[in-house]
Amino acid sequence: MSQSPASLPFIDGLRDAAGLRLPGSGLAWLDAARRENLEAFIAAGLPDTRTEAWKYTALRALGQRRFALGDAAAASHSIDTHALKLPGVDGPRLVFVNGVFRADLSRLETLPPGLTLQPLSQALESDPEPLRFALSRHYRETGDAFARLNAALAGDGTVLRVAAGARIAKPVHICFVGTAAQGDVAWHVRNVIELGEGAKLDLIEHHLSSAPHKHLGTLASDIVLQNGAQLQHVLLQNAGEDSSLIRRGSLHLGARSQAALHVLELGGALVRHDLHAELRGDEARLDTRGVFVLRGRQHIDTQLSIRHQALNTASESIWRGVADERSRGVFRGAIVVAEGADGADASLSNKNLLLSALAEIDTKPELEIYADEVKAAHGATVGQLDERALFYLRSRGLPQAEARALLTAAFCRAVFATLPNETLRDHFSDALLAHLP
């Protein structure tokens, strides 16, 4: 017999959350949104595998855990600043440790013209009204449980705006660090990002661990591209090996805007990435590229949803997965071409490698078309390394382990061929190789 939501330790640990004093507390609209989302989350509980969006990701173990509501000592944890640096990335930087903004680790002294960048906690204190639309959202779907939790408890995050016509030369680096604390901590951050008409930005999102921990982190990002804007978004996820990280992205593209996303998922024990993209303006384009590489008992679940809503829009998605030992990967890629989105060009490819007989990858491509004159394709495969290629490398004197690693790395590297930052691309390759068996 399953437990009711109210009896789970995870839910029970949230009973006192309504009394938390978060940044922005006292704003009637924000207090109401937080309260309603928290009540909805507690009433519904964690989704189970009967919920289609969570069919392959069981949360029973997470439901039995209780987390502290934030880390009171986050501002004083010692962090190695060298670990925050990424090759080819030397622009403005925001750093959050266990979900709390750290000014001493950030780099905000000289921002280029046209760029507004500050932690959410400061924006809520100084000028909260422009955030009202993003922070007042109510999530109705059963699968959006963690989005509700984030909306209820996020007290920090990033507010980033690029003025119309501004082209920001150096990448903006947002870094989320998990580190040891007194007990297991749950932290929640929210990003609000907007690019004005014709604006251009490179954004680096970086998740890492500085010490072993078993924290839970949730991150919700609302990204809006106005007409003609261009966004290059790179995500490197190498969180603590025992941590849980749930991310949800909402991306809206205006007319002639372009967004490119490159993702490398390496860390975490339980990782979930939901991306909901809407191509709302004519001739908008979205390209997504991603790789997850799993080992041990890691579980990574990627949910990609792309909706074409305007004329002559385009999207191309290429994702790869590698699973070793007893790990499990999940990928769902859904494309919807709505009525009236004539001229849409959409494609999705998901290829996966199993390096162990005990590893598992579940993939589910979906395609719905309600418009005419559409070009669309999708496909998915799950297989093993090519034995002929492996034999060829062995015949040239390579040990089996090295031959397998080379073939696996080549399988994954194809995804990053379009990443413009060559230095960062090389770093991705090095990180990938270091993670492979």
Protein backbone atom coordinates (compact mmCIF):
# COMPACT_ATOMS: atom_id res chain seq x y z
CA MET A 1 0.00 0.00 0.00
CA SER A 2 1.48 3.38 -1.03
CA GLN A 3 1.91 6.23 1.39
CA SER A 4 -0.23 9.34 1.08
CA PRO A 5 1.68 12.57 0.20
CA ALA A 6 1.17 13.92 3.71
CA SER A 7 2.91 10.94 5.32
CA LEU A 8 6.12 11.14 3.28
CA PRO A 9 9.14 12.57 5.15
CA PHE A 10 9.92 14.79 2.13
CA ILE A 11 6.47 16.41 2.28
CA ASP A 12 6.34 16.50 6.06
CA GLY A 13 9.61 18.44 6.08
CA LEU A 14 7.89 21.28 4.18
CA ARG A 15 5.26 21.98 6.85
CA ASP A 16 7.22 24.92 8.25
CA ALA A 17 8.12 26.37 4.84
CA ALA A 18 5.14 28.73 4.84
CA GLY A 19 6.78 30.66 7.68
CA LEU A 20 10.13 31.15 5.92
CA ARG A 21 11.29 34.73 5.51
CA LEU A 22 12.48 34.79 1.89
CA PRO A 23 13.64 37.80 -0.15
CA GLY A 24 10.56 39.66 -1.33
CA SER A 25 8.41 38.50 1.59
CA GLY A 26 5.77 41.12 2.28
CA LEU A 27 4.87 41.65 -1.38
CA ALA A 28 1.23 40.59 -1.50
CA TRP A 29 1.35 39.14 -5.03
CA LEU A 30 4.55 37.19 -4.35
CA ASP A 31 3.40 35.87 -0.96
CA ALA A 32 0.14 34.68 -2.53
CA ALA A 33 1.91 32.92 -5.41
CA ARG A 34 4.37 31.22 -3.05
CA ARG A 35 1.63 30.10 -0.69
CA GLU A 36 -0.63 28.71 -3.43
CA ASN A 37 2.22 26.81 -5.12
CA LEU A 38 3.38 25.34 -1.81
CA GLU A 39 -0.13 24.24 -0.87
CA ALA A 40 -0.61 22.66 -4.29
CA PHE A 41 2.69 20.80 -4.00
CA ILE A 42 1.94 19.46 -0.51
CA ALA A 43 -1.57 18.39 -1.55
CA ALA A 44 -0.44 16.52 -4.68
CA GLY A 45 2.91 15.25 -3.41
CA LEU A 46 5.69 13.90 -5.58
CA PRO A 47 4.67 12.47 -8.97
CA ASP A 48 4.91 8.69 -9.34
CA THR A 49 5.50 6.51 -12.38
CA ARG A 50 1.78 6.55 -13.20
CA THR A 51 2.31 10.16 -14.28
CA GLU A 52 3.34 9.95 -17.92
CA ALA A 53 6.06 12.61 -17.62
CA TRP A 54 7.70 10.62 -14.79
CA LYS A 55 7.06 7.14 -16.15
CA TYR A 56 10.73 6.12 -16.12
CA THR A 57 11.91 8.08 -13.08
CA ALA A 58 10.79 6.80 -9.68
CA LEU A 59 10.94 9.23 -6.75
CA ARG A 60 10.20 6.78 -3.94
CA ALA A 61 13.69 7.08 -2.42
CA LEU A 62 13.58 10.89 -2.60
CA GLY A 63 10.17 10.89 -0.90
CA GLN A 64 11.66 9.09 2.11
CA ARG A 65 14.25 11.82 2.70
CA ARG A 66 13.92 15.01 4.72
CA PHE A 67 15.88 18.13 3.79
CA ALA A 68 16.74 21.28 5.71
CA LEU A 69 15.04 24.35 4.25
CA GLY A 70 18.18 26.15 3.09
CA ASP A 71 21.75 26.41 4.35
CA ALA A 72 22.23 29.14 6.97
CA ALA A 73 26.03 28.85 6.64
CA ALA A 74 26.16 29.08 2.83
CA ALA A 75 27.78 32.53 2.93
CA SER A 76 30.78 31.25 4.90
CA HIS A 77 31.68 28.00 3.12
CA SER A 78 35.20 28.02 1.72
CA ILE A 79 35.22 27.48 -2.06
CA ASP A 80 38.21 26.97 -4.33
CA THR A 81 37.90 29.83 -6.83
CA HIS A 82 40.04 27.97 -9.36
CA ALA A 83 37.30 25.36 -9.73
CA LEU A 84 34.86 28.08 -10.83
CA LYS A 85 36.89 29.04 -13.88
CA LEU A 86 36.17 27.69 -17.34
CA PRO A 87 38.60 28.04 -20.27
CA GLY A 88 37.49 30.62 -22.79
CA VAL A 89 35.04 32.19 -20.31
CA ASP A 90 36.23 35.46 -18.74
CA GLY A 91 33.17 37.69 -18.61
CA PRO A 92 30.80 38.62 -15.76
CA ARG A 93 30.09 35.84 -13.26
CA LEU A 94 27.43 35.11 -10.64
CA VAL A 95 28.12 32.37 -8.10
CA PHE A 96 25.61 30.61 -5.85
CA VAL A 97 26.69 28.22 -3.11
CA ASN A 98 23.97 25.83 -1.94
CA GLY A 99 21.51 28.21 -3.56
CA VAL A 100 22.78 31.40 -1.89
CA PHE A 101 24.41 34.27 -3.83
CA ARG A 102 28.08 34.84 -3.01
CA ALA A 103 29.27 38.33 -3.90
CA ASP A 104 32.84 37.46 -2.84
CA LEU A 105 33.07 34.75 -5.50
CA SER A 106 31.19 36.64 -8.22
CA ARG A 107 32.55 39.10 -10.77
CA LEU A 108 30.17 42.01 -11.35
CA GLU A 109 32.45 45.03 -11.06
CA THR A 110 32.34 46.21 -14.69
CA LEU A 111 29.32 45.22 -16.75
CA PRO A 112 29.27 46.11 -20.45
CA PRO A 113 26.74 48.67 -21.68
CA GLY A 114 23.31 47.16 -22.28
CA LEU A 115 23.69 44.31 -19.75
CA THR A 116 21.77 44.24 -16.47
CA LEU A 117 22.87 41.40 -14.18
CA GLN A 118 22.06 40.91 -10.50
CA PRO A 119 20.95 38.25 -8.06
CA LEU A 120 17.20 37.77 -7.72
CA SER A 121 17.37 38.50 -3.99
CA GLN A 122 18.64 42.04 -4.69
CA ALA A 123 16.16 42.64 -7.52
CA LEU A 124 13.27 41.69 -5.23
CA GLU A 125 14.41 44.23 -2.67
CA SER A 126 15.10 47.10 -5.08
CA ASP A 127 12.65 46.75 -8.01
CA PRO A 128 10.33 43.73 -7.81
CA GLU A 129 7.50 44.84 -10.11
CA PRO A 130 9.15 43.82 -13.45
CA LEU A 131 9.45 40.28 -12.01
CA ARG A 132 5.77 39.98 -11.21
CA PHE A 133 4.73 38.11 -14.35
CA ALA A 134 7.52 35.50 -14.11
CA LEU A 135 7.24 34.91 -10.35
CA SER A 136 3.43 34.77 -10.18
CA ARG A 137 3.11 31.66 -12.31
CA HIS A 138 0.96 28.76 -11.16
CA TYR A 139 1.82 25.31 -12.45
CA ARG A 140 -1.22 23.13 -13.13
CA GLU A 141 0.22 19.95 -14.62
CA THR A 142 0.83 16.94 -12.36
CA GLY A 143 4.31 16.52 -13.79
CA ASP A 144 5.29 20.07 -12.78
CA ALA A 145 5.59 19.26 -9.08
CA PHE A 146 9.14 20.57 -8.73
CA ALA A 147 8.28 23.74 -10.64
CA ARG A 148 5.60 24.37 -7.98
CA LEU A 149 8.13 23.71 -5.23
CA ASN A 150 10.60 26.09 -6.83
CA ALA A 151 7.95 28.80 -7.27
CA ALA A 152 7.09 28.45 -3.59
CA LEU A 153 10.58 28.48 -2.10
CA ALA A 154 13.04 30.17 -4.49
CA GLY A 155 14.58 33.15 -2.78
CA ASP A 156 17.56 33.72 -5.03
CA GLY A 157 18.70 33.27 -8.58
CA THR A 158 19.62 35.46 -11.54
CA VAL A 159 17.96 38.44 -13.16
CA LEU A 160 19.61 39.07 -16.52
CA ARG A 161 18.45 41.54 -19.15
CA VAL A 162 20.09 42.61 -22.39
CA ALA A 163 18.90 45.89 -23.88
CA ALA A 164 17.56 46.05 -27.42
CA GLY A 165 20.38 46.04 -29.95
CA ALA A 166 23.09 45.31 -27.38
CA ARG A 167 25.62 42.63 -28.34
CA ILE A 168 27.46 41.36 -25.28
CA ALA A 169 30.96 40.32 -26.34
CA LYS A 170 32.01 38.17 -23.37
CA PRO A 171 30.00 35.20 -22.08
CA VAL A 172 28.02 35.60 -18.85
CA HIS A 173 28.89 32.78 -16.44
CA ILE A 174 26.33 31.60 -13.86
CA CYS A 175 27.81 29.06 -11.47
CA PHE A 176 25.95 26.82 -9.00
CA VAL A 177 28.16 25.14 -6.40
CA GLY A 178 27.08 22.39 -4.05
CA THR A 179 29.13 21.80 -0.93
CA ALA A 180 28.92 19.99 2.40
CA ALA A 181 26.65 21.49 5.08
CA GLN A 182 25.09 20.51 8.39
CA GLY A 183 22.83 17.76 7.09
CA ASP A 184 21.12 17.47 3.72
CA VAL A 185 19.92 20.77 2.31
CA ALA A 186 17.26 21.63 -0.28
CA TRP A 187 17.98 24.82 -2.23
CA HIS A 188 15.82 26.50 -4.87
CA VAL A 189 16.89 29.18 -7.36
CA ARG A 190 15.11 30.92 -10.21
CA ASN A 191 16.50 32.67 -13.28
CA VAL A 192 14.66 35.40 -15.16
CA ILE A 193 16.40 36.19 -18.47
CA GLU A 194 15.28 38.50 -21.28
CA LEU A 195 17.02 39.56 -24.48
CA GLY A 196 15.63 42.67 -26.16
CA GLU A 197 15.09 43.09 -29.90
CA GLY A 198 18.24 42.36 -31.86
CA ALA A 199 20.26 41.63 -28.71
CA LYS A 200 22.97 38.97 -28.59
CA LEU A 201 24.32 36.99 -25.61
CA ASP A 202 26.44 33.96 -24.78
CA LEU A 203 25.35 32.34 -21.49
CA ILE A 204 27.26 29.65 -19.60
CA GLU A 205 25.39 27.68 -16.92
CA HIS A 206 27.76 25.64 -14.76
CA HIS A 207 26.89 23.13 -12.01
CA LEU A 208 29.68 21.67 -9.88
CA SER A 209 30.52 20.28 -6.45
CA SER A 210 33.30 21.43 -4.10
CA ALA A 211 32.78 18.73 -1.43
CA PRO A 212 30.69 15.54 -1.13
CA HIS A 213 27.03 16.14 -0.25
CA LYS A 214 23.54 14.73 -0.78
CA HIS A 215 21.62 17.96 -1.32
CA LEU A 216 18.58 18.54 -3.51
CA GLY A 217 18.61 21.52 -5.84
CA THR A 218 15.83 22.87 -8.05
CA LEU A 219 16.40 25.47 -10.75
CA ALA A 220 13.69 27.12 -12.86
CA SER A 221 14.63 29.42 -15.73
CA ASP A 222 12.30 31.71 -17.66
CA ILE A 223 14.03 32.90 -20.86
CA VAL A 224 12.44 35.29 -23.36
CA LEU A 225 13.98 36.29 -26.69
CA GLN A 226 12.40 39.30 -28.33
CA ASN A 227 12.33 39.70 -32.11
CA GLY A 228 15.71 39.15 -33.74
CA ALA A 229 17.54 38.27 -30.52
CA GLN A 230 20.32 35.63 -30.47
CA LEU A 231 21.21 33.40 -27.52
CA GLN A 232 24.02 30.86 -27.27
CA HIS A 233 23.36 28.84 -24.08
CA VAL A 234 25.94 26.33 -22.87
CA LEU A 235 25.21 24.05 -19.90
CA LEU A 236 27.89 22.00 -18.13
CA GLN A 237 26.44 19.84 -15.35
CA ASN A 238 28.96 18.08 -13.12
CA ALA A 239 27.15 18.14 -9.78
CA GLY A 240 28.09 16.02 -6.76
CA GLU A 241 27.85 12.29 -7.38
CA ASP A 242 25.32 11.81 -4.54
CA SER A 243 23.27 14.94 -5.19
CA SER A 244 19.84 15.42 -6.80
CA LEU A 245 19.29 18.22 -9.30
CA ILE A 246 15.95 19.10 -10.93
CA ARG A 247 15.96 21.79 -13.64
CA ARG A 248 13.08 23.27 -15.62
CA GLY A 249 13.55 25.70 -18.47
CA SER A 250 10.91 27.77 -20.24
CA LEU A 251 12.10 29.35 -23.51
CA HIS A 252 10.02 31.73 -25.65
CA LEU A 253 11.32 32.84 -29.05
CA GLY A 254 10.05 35.87 -30.92
CA ALA A 255 10.13 36.51 -34.67
CA ARG A 256 13.50 35.86 -36.36
CA SER A 257 15.12 35.09 -33.00
CA GLN A 258 17.67 32.30 -32.69
CA ALA A 259 18.64 30.14 -29.72
CA ALA A 260 21.28 27.42 -29.58
CA LEU A 261 21.65 25.11 -26.57
CA HIS A 262 24.62 22.80 -25.89
CA VAL A 263 24.34 20.47 -22.86
CA LEU A 264 26.84 18.11 -21.23
CA GLU A 265 25.42 16.07 -18.32
CA LEU A 266 28.02 14.23 -16.23
CA GLY A 267 27.29 14.42 -12.50
CA GLY A 268 24.52 13.82 -10.00
CA ALA A 269 22.83 10.72 -8.64
CA LEU A 270 19.34 11.82 -9.73
CA VAL A 271 19.16 14.50 -12.41
CA ARG A 272 16.12 15.76 -14.31
CA HIS A 273 16.13 18.38 -17.09
CA ASP A 274 12.84 19.65 -18.51
CA LEU A 275 13.01 22.13 -21.38
CA HIS A 276 9.80 23.66 -22.77
CA ALA A 277 10.42 25.80 -25.85
CA GLU A 278 7.84 27.77 -27.81
CA LEU A 279 8.68 29.26 -31.20
CA ARG A 280 6.10 32.04 -31.13
CA GLY A 281 7.36 34.35 -33.87
CA ASP A 282 7.73 33.84 -37.61
CA GLU A 283 11.13 32.47 -38.72
CA ALA A 284 12.30 31.72 -35.17
CA ARG A 285 14.95 29.00 -34.90
CA LEU A 286 16.05 26.68 -32.09
CA ASP A 287 18.98 24.26 -32.16
CA THR A 288 19.60 21.91 -29.23
CA ARG A 289 22.55 19.57 -28.76
CA GLY A 290 23.05 17.39 -25.70
CA VAL A 291 24.99 14.47 -24.24
CA PHE A 292 24.59 12.53 -20.99
CA VAL A 293 27.29 10.11 -19.84
CA LEU A 294 26.33 7.83 -16.94
CA ARG A 295 28.10 5.35 -14.71
CA GLY A 296 27.55 3.63 -11.37
CA ARG A 297 23.87 3.93 -10.43
CA GLN A 298 23.33 7.40 -11.88
CA HIS A 299 19.88 8.30 -13.22
CA ILE A 300 19.49 11.19 -15.66
CA ASP A 301 16.14 12.08 -17.25
CA THR A 302 15.91 14.62 -20.11
CA GLN A 303 12.49 15.88 -21.24
CA LEU A 304 12.52 18.07 -24.34
CA SER A 305 9.32 19.73 -25.59
CA ILE A 306 9.40 22.03 -28.63
CA ARG A 307 6.28 23.74 -29.95
CA HIS A 308 6.20 25.48 -33.35
CA GLN A 309 3.48 28.14 -33.31
CA ALA A 310 4.38 30.53 -36.16
CA LEU A 311 5.22 30.54 -39.86
CA ASN A 312 8.50 29.19 -41.24
CA THR A 313 10.00 28.25 -37.88
CA ALA A 314 12.83 25.72 -37.58
CA SER A 315 14.27 23.43 -34.93
CA GLU A 316 17.01 20.81 -34.99
CA SER A 317 17.78 18.61 -31.97
CA ILE A 318 20.65 16.12 -31.75
CA TRP A 319 21.09 14.24 -28.46
CA ARG A 320 23.36 11.39 -27.42
CA GLY A 321 23.35 9.14 -24.36
CA VAL A 322 25.91 6.74 -22.89
CA ALA A 323 25.20 4.43 -19.95
CA ASP A 324 27.63 2.12 -18.16
CA GLU A 325 27.47 -0.22 -15.14
CA ARG A 326 23.97 -0.06 -13.53
CA SER A 327 23.06 3.46 -14.63
CA ARG A 328 19.83 4.51 -16.33
CA GLY A 329 19.17 7.25 -18.86
CA VAL A 330 15.83 8.61 -20.03
CA PHE A 331 15.16 10.83 -23.03
CA ARG A 332 11.84 12.11 -24.30
CA GLY A 333 11.82 14.45 -27.26
CA ALA A 334 8.43 15.86 -28.24
CA ILE A 335 7.83 18.18 -31.20
CA VAL A 336 4.45 19.80 -31.84
CA VAL A 337 3.72 21.76 -35.00
CA ALA A 338 0.59 23.72 -34.11
CA GLU A 339 -2.22 24.68 -36.45
CA GLY A 340 -1.17 27.63 -38.60
CA ALA A 341 2.58 26.95 -38.24
CA ASP A 342 2.96 26.33 -41.97
CA GLY A 343 6.46 26.04 -43.35
CA ALA A 344 7.88 24.58 -40.14
CA ASP A 345 11.06 22.52 -40.42
CA ALA A 346 11.64 20.26 -37.40
CA SER A 347 13.99 17.35 -36.79
CA LEU A 348 15.03 15.33 -33.75
CA SER A 349 17.63 12.59 -33.44
CA ASN A 350 18.49 10.62 -30.29
CA LYS A 351 21.19 7.94 -30.38
CA ASN A 352 22.35 5.97 -27.35
CA LEU A 353 25.09 3.56 -26.34
CA LEU A 354 24.91 0.86 -23.67
CA LEU A 355 28.36 -0.08 -22.34
CA SER A 356 27.07 -2.64 -19.85
CA ALA A 357 24.50 -5.41 -19.88
CA LEU A 358 23.01 -3.93 -16.69
CA ALA A 359 22.68 -0.37 -18.01
CA GLU A 360 19.39 0.93 -19.42
CA ILE A 361 18.31 3.81 -21.64
CA ASP A 362 14.65 4.56 -22.37
CA THR A 363 14.00 6.87 -25.30
CA LYS A 364 10.70 8.19 -26.57
CA PRO A 365 10.56 10.52 -29.63
CA GLU A 366 7.19 12.14 -30.31
CA LEU A 367 5.89 14.15 -33.26
CA GLU A 368 2.51 15.86 -33.64
CA ILE A 369 1.67 17.88 -36.75
CA TYR A 370 -1.43 20.03 -37.16
CA ALA A 371 -0.26 22.24 -40.06
CA ASP A 372 0.33 21.90 -43.80
CA GLU A 373 3.53 22.23 -45.84
CA VAL A 374 5.67 20.95 -42.98
CA LYS A 375 9.05 19.23 -43.02
CA ALA A 376 9.56 17.00 -39.98
CA ALA A 377 11.59 13.96 -38.96
CA HIS A 378 12.43 12.14 -35.76
CA GLY A 379 14.22 8.97 -34.74
CA ALA A 380 15.92 7.17 -31.87
CA THR A 381 18.29 4.22 -31.45
CA VAL A 382 19.77 2.28 -28.54
CA GLY A 383 22.72 0.02 -29.28
CA GLN A 384 26.27 -0.97 -28.46
CA LEU A 385 29.70 -0.09 -29.82
CA ASP A 386 30.38 -1.24 -33.36
CA GLU A 387 32.34 -4.49 -33.01
CA ARG A 388 33.98 -4.00 -36.40
CA ALA A 389 35.32 -0.59 -35.45
CA LEU A 390 36.47 -1.98 -32.12
CA PHE A 391 38.24 -4.87 -33.87
CA TYR A 392 39.94 -2.44 -36.26
CA LEU A 393 41.37 -0.35 -33.40
CA ARG A 394 42.45 -3.50 -31.53
CA SER A 395 44.21 -4.74 -34.65
CA ARG A 396 46.20 -1.50 -34.67
CA GLY A 397 47.56 -2.24 -31.21
CA LEU A 398 45.16 -0.29 -28.97
CA PRO A 399 44.15 -1.96 -25.70
CA GLN A 400 40.45 -2.78 -25.52
CA ALA A 401 39.65 -0.22 -22.81
CA GLU A 402 41.33 2.58 -24.76
CA ALA A 403 39.66 1.54 -28.02
CA ARG A 404 36.23 1.56 -26.34
CA ALA A 405 36.88 4.98 -24.81
CA LEU A 406 37.97 6.45 -28.15
CA LEU A 407 34.87 5.18 -29.96
CA THR A 408 32.58 6.38 -27.19
CA ALA A 409 34.19 9.82 -27.12
CA ALA A 410 33.85 10.16 -30.89
CA PHE A 411 30.18 9.19 -30.62
CA CYS A 412 29.60 12.03 -28.13
CA ARG A 413 31.88 14.70 -29.58
CA ALA A 414 29.81 15.05 -32.73
CA VAL A 415 27.23 16.91 -30.66
CA PHE A 416 29.66 19.73 -29.79
CA ALA A 417 30.98 20.34 -33.31
CA THR A 418 28.74 23.42 -33.64
CA LEU A 419 29.83 25.02 -30.34
CA PRO A 420 31.48 28.29 -31.48
CA ASN A 421 33.79 28.69 -28.45
CA GLU A 422 36.66 26.42 -29.48
CA THR A 423 38.44 26.63 -26.11
CA LEU A 424 35.29 25.66 -24.26
CA ARG A 425 34.64 22.90 -26.79
CA ASP A 426 38.05 21.39 -26.00
CA HIS A 427 37.27 21.60 -22.29
CA PHE A 428 34.03 19.71 -22.86
CA SER A 429 35.97 16.98 -24.66
CA ASP A 430 38.46 16.71 -21.79
CA ALA A 431 35.67 16.54 -19.19
CA LEU A 432 33.90 13.91 -21.27
CA LEU A 433 37.01 11.74 -21.55
CA ALA A 434 37.69 12.03 -17.82
CA HIS A 435 34.17 10.78 -17.07
CA LEU A 436 34.24 7.82 -19.45
CA PRO A 437 35.16 4.38 -18.07
